[in-house]
Every structure is written in C-alpha cells, then in structure tokens.
Amino acid sequence: MRPILAISVAAILLGINASAGAGTSVKSASAQKSVTLHLVEKSTGSNFIDNPPRQGFNAPPLIGDQFAFTSELLTRGGAHAGHLEATCTVARGGIHSRGPCYGTFSLAGGQIAGVATIEFDSLRSEIAVVGGTGVYEGVTGSIVSVTRGENSPYSDDTVHLLFP
C-alpha cells in the first residue's frame, strides 16, 4: 500500500478552501453556487498501523490495517490554504487493497468533511464532499485527486463545491 497516495487523498479533501485564493470560478444555477478550486496537496506525515495478524511493512496490507495521514493544502502559487487530517481502513487486503477513507479539511472559515473508497495502488482518487462547518455549512460536491507519482509527496486536486 502506498501511504503517500493515502496522504494525497486526505490532502485533496483538505484543499477545498474557497477563500484560499486558488483559481476559483463561481457559477450561478438557480439559488445554488458552484465553486471549483485547483489546489496542490503536500504530504507532511503518515503512519501505517499493522494490526494483527502482523505481516510486516514489506507485505501488502490485510483487512483491518489502517493508515493515518496529514497534508498541507497549497494554492498553485504555493500559498498555504489549510490542512487535511484523514484515516483509511483496509477493507480488501492483498496486492490490490482498498478501503474507506474519512478526512477533515481545516480551512479558513471552517471545515469540510470528505469520504471515499480508495484503491491504494491507484494514482487517481474521487472523494465525496459530505458537509462542512462555518462558511462551508451545507456544502456538497466532489474532489478528484491525482498524485504526481508513486514516490512524490504532491497531488493535484480539483475541488468542486456546491453551496446551498
């Protein structure tokens, strides 16, 4: 399993700050506002939890193993936009492992919650935005995160938010 990919997913979720100054576009559809952000996620820390039966760090993860990670969210210009904290639990172990991930993005003005089933060996992840606090209260949407490579700490995130 690639902890960097999991971190990228979490950081992508965090990259939803509409007030971060990242290239945003607002579209009006009836009473609903749509905002699209383009952010860069930088992994800053991760940990693999090898639950029993322990197979070691050089073997594919098993059901019940977990990842925890944090990322810094940046604008394309490199300015700080926020942080992402997330956890993932392996639900399908082995070479092509996957499982649910939950993340909270702390941004200026509030937090955004995201959830996804992540295939840990994929370079692309799709995340559902399921709510928020503060200025993000009632928000929904999606995030597409694409890692820059297996060993890169960076991912490029496209965040699409729908405000009530």
Protein backbone atom coordinates (compact mmCIF):
# COMPACT_ATOMS: atom_id res chain seq x y z
CA MET A 1 0.00 0.00 0.00
CA ARG A 2 1.23 3.47 -0.75
CA PRO A 3 0.96 5.77 2.28
CA ILE A 4 1.78 8.73 0.05
CA LEU A 5 -1.32 8.03 -2.06
CA ALA A 6 -3.48 7.85 1.04
CA ILE A 7 -1.96 11.11 2.21
CA SER A 8 -2.65 12.61 -1.17
CA VAL A 9 -6.28 11.65 -0.90
CA ALA A 10 -6.56 13.24 2.50
CA ALA A 11 -4.79 16.37 1.35
CA ILE A 12 -7.10 16.60 -1.62
CA LEU A 13 -10.06 16.66 0.68
CA LEU A 14 -8.42 19.43 2.62
CA GLY A 15 -7.93 21.54 -0.46
CA ILE A 16 -11.47 22.87 -0.54
CA ASN A 17 -10.87 26.36 0.81
CA ALA A 18 -12.86 28.78 -1.29
CA SER A 19 -11.18 31.71 0.43
CA ALA A 20 -7.65 30.43 -0.12
CA GLY A 21 -7.16 32.46 -3.27
CA ALA A 22 -6.72 29.42 -5.50
CA GLY A 23 -8.13 29.89 -9.01
CA THR A 24 -11.84 29.81 -8.28
CA SER A 25 -14.81 30.14 -10.55
CA VAL A 26 -18.33 30.78 -9.32
CA LYS A 27 -21.36 29.80 -11.40
CA SER A 28 -24.95 30.57 -10.55
CA ALA A 29 -27.52 27.79 -11.03
CA SER A 30 -30.85 28.93 -9.60
CA ALA A 31 -30.16 29.51 -5.90
CA GLN A 32 -27.09 27.27 -5.78
CA LYS A 33 -23.48 28.46 -6.11
CA SER A 34 -20.79 26.30 -7.66
CA VAL A 35 -17.10 26.84 -6.90
CA THR A 36 -14.18 24.98 -8.49
CA LEU A 37 -10.73 25.13 -6.89
CA HIS A 38 -7.39 23.84 -8.12
CA LEU A 39 -5.11 23.04 -5.20
CA VAL A 40 -1.85 21.23 -4.51
CA GLU A 41 -1.66 18.78 -1.63
CA LYS A 42 1.66 18.16 0.10
CA SER A 43 2.02 15.15 2.38
CA THR A 44 3.50 16.11 5.73
CA GLY A 45 3.10 12.93 7.79
CA SER A 46 1.71 9.40 7.74
CA ASN A 47 1.64 6.21 9.73
CA PHE A 48 0.74 2.63 8.81
CA ILE A 49 -0.94 0.64 11.57
CA ASP A 50 -0.20 -3.06 11.04
CA ASN A 51 -2.97 -4.74 13.05
CA PRO A 52 -2.81 -8.48 13.92
CA PRO A 53 -2.09 -10.76 12.23
CA ARG A 54 1.01 -8.70 11.53
CA GLN A 55 2.54 -9.25 8.11
CA GLY A 56 5.26 -6.58 8.30
CA PHE A 57 5.82 -3.42 6.31
CA ASN A 58 7.11 -5.12 3.14
CA ALA A 59 3.95 -7.16 2.52
CA PRO A 60 0.58 -5.97 1.19
CA PRO A 61 -1.82 -4.79 3.91
CA LEU A 62 -4.51 -7.07 5.32
CA ILE A 63 -8.13 -6.37 6.24
CA GLY A 64 -8.21 -4.17 9.33
CA ASP A 65 -4.85 -2.47 8.80
CA GLN A 66 -5.02 1.32 8.83
CA PHE A 67 -3.34 4.46 7.56
CA ALA A 68 -3.41 7.85 9.22
CA PHE A 69 -2.04 10.91 7.49
CA THR A 70 -1.91 14.68 7.34
CA SER A 71 -1.24 17.02 4.46
CA GLU A 72 -0.77 20.71 3.88
CA LEU A 73 -3.03 22.25 1.26
CA LEU A 74 -1.47 24.85 -1.01
CA THR A 75 -2.63 27.10 -3.82
CA ARG A 76 -1.00 26.53 -7.21
CA GLY A 77 1.20 29.52 -6.36
CA GLY A 78 2.40 27.81 -3.17
CA ALA A 79 0.42 29.82 -0.60
CA HIS A 80 -0.90 27.97 2.46
CA ALA A 81 -4.62 27.08 2.12
CA GLY A 82 -5.16 24.71 5.07
CA HIS A 83 -4.57 21.20 6.41
CA LEU A 84 -6.05 17.76 5.93
CA GLU A 85 -6.23 15.00 8.52
CA ALA A 86 -7.54 11.59 7.43
CA THR A 87 -7.69 7.90 8.21
CA CYS A 88 -8.21 4.88 5.98
CA THR A 89 -9.08 1.30 6.94
CA VAL A 90 -8.18 -1.61 4.65
CA ALA A 91 -11.41 -3.44 3.76
CA ARG A 92 -9.94 -5.54 0.94
CA GLY A 93 -6.41 -6.67 1.65
CA GLY A 94 -3.71 -8.02 -0.62
CA ILE A 95 -1.95 -6.66 -3.67
CA HIS A 96 -4.89 -4.53 -4.90
CA SER A 97 -6.09 -3.36 -1.49
CA ARG A 98 -8.77 -0.75 -0.94
CA GLY A 99 -10.94 0.69 1.78
CA PRO A 100 -12.91 3.64 3.11
CA CYS A 101 -11.16 6.88 3.99
CA TYR A 102 -12.52 9.78 6.02
CA GLY A 103 -10.95 13.21 6.11
CA THR A 104 -11.46 16.63 7.64
CA PHE A 105 -10.13 19.67 5.87
CA SER A 106 -9.45 22.61 8.15
CA LEU A 107 -9.61 25.80 6.13
CA ALA A 108 -10.13 29.50 6.73
CA GLY A 109 -13.74 29.89 7.77
CA GLY A 110 -14.49 26.28 8.72
CA GLN A 111 -14.02 22.62 8.00
CA ILE A 112 -15.05 20.31 5.15
CA ALA A 113 -15.74 16.59 5.54
CA GLY A 114 -14.92 14.09 2.80
CA VAL A 115 -15.35 10.34 2.35
CA ALA A 116 -14.19 7.90 -0.33
CA THR A 117 -13.39 4.28 -1.06
CA ILE A 118 -9.76 4.42 -2.15
CA GLU A 119 -7.87 1.88 -4.21
CA PHE A 120 -4.47 2.27 -2.58
CA ASP A 121 -2.45 1.38 -5.71
CA SER A 122 -4.28 3.91 -7.93
CA LEU A 123 -2.84 7.32 -8.80
CA ARG A 124 -6.35 8.86 -9.02
CA SER A 125 -8.96 9.18 -6.27
CA GLU A 126 -12.52 10.51 -6.26
CA ILE A 127 -13.85 11.88 -2.98
CA ALA A 128 -17.39 12.88 -1.99
CA VAL A 129 -17.79 16.12 -0.06
CA VAL A 130 -20.43 15.31 2.56
CA GLY A 131 -20.72 18.51 4.60
CA GLY A 132 -18.97 21.23 6.46
CA THR A 133 -18.94 23.78 9.25
CA GLY A 134 -18.74 27.56 9.31
CA VAL A 135 -18.85 29.08 5.82
CA TYR A 136 -18.98 25.52 4.43
CA GLU A 137 -22.16 24.51 6.27
CA GLY A 138 -24.41 22.51 3.93
CA VAL A 139 -21.78 22.18 1.18
CA THR A 140 -21.67 19.09 -1.06
CA GLY A 141 -19.55 18.23 -4.07
CA SER A 142 -16.58 16.15 -5.15
CA ILE A 143 -12.81 16.16 -5.34
CA VAL A 144 -10.58 14.47 -7.90
CA SER A 145 -7.04 13.97 -6.65
CA VAL A 146 -4.22 12.86 -8.93
CA THR A 147 -0.84 12.07 -7.40
CA ARG A 148 2.25 13.22 -9.28
CA GLY A 149 3.84 9.78 -8.94
CA GLU A 150 4.33 6.86 -6.61
CA ASN A 151 7.15 8.49 -4.65
CA SER A 152 6.01 12.11 -4.88
CA PRO A 153 4.59 13.90 -1.82
CA TYR A 154 2.43 16.08 -4.12
CA SER A 155 -1.03 15.63 -5.60
CA ASP A 156 -3.06 17.93 -7.82
CA ASP A 157 -6.63 18.33 -6.63
CA THR A 158 -9.68 19.63 -8.45
CA VAL A 159 -12.31 20.55 -5.87
CA HIS A 160 -15.90 21.13 -6.98
CA LEU A 161 -18.19 22.55 -4.29
CA LEU A 162 -21.94 23.16 -4.38
CA PHE A 163 -23.27 25.64 -1.84
CA PRO A 164 -26.95 25.65 -0.84
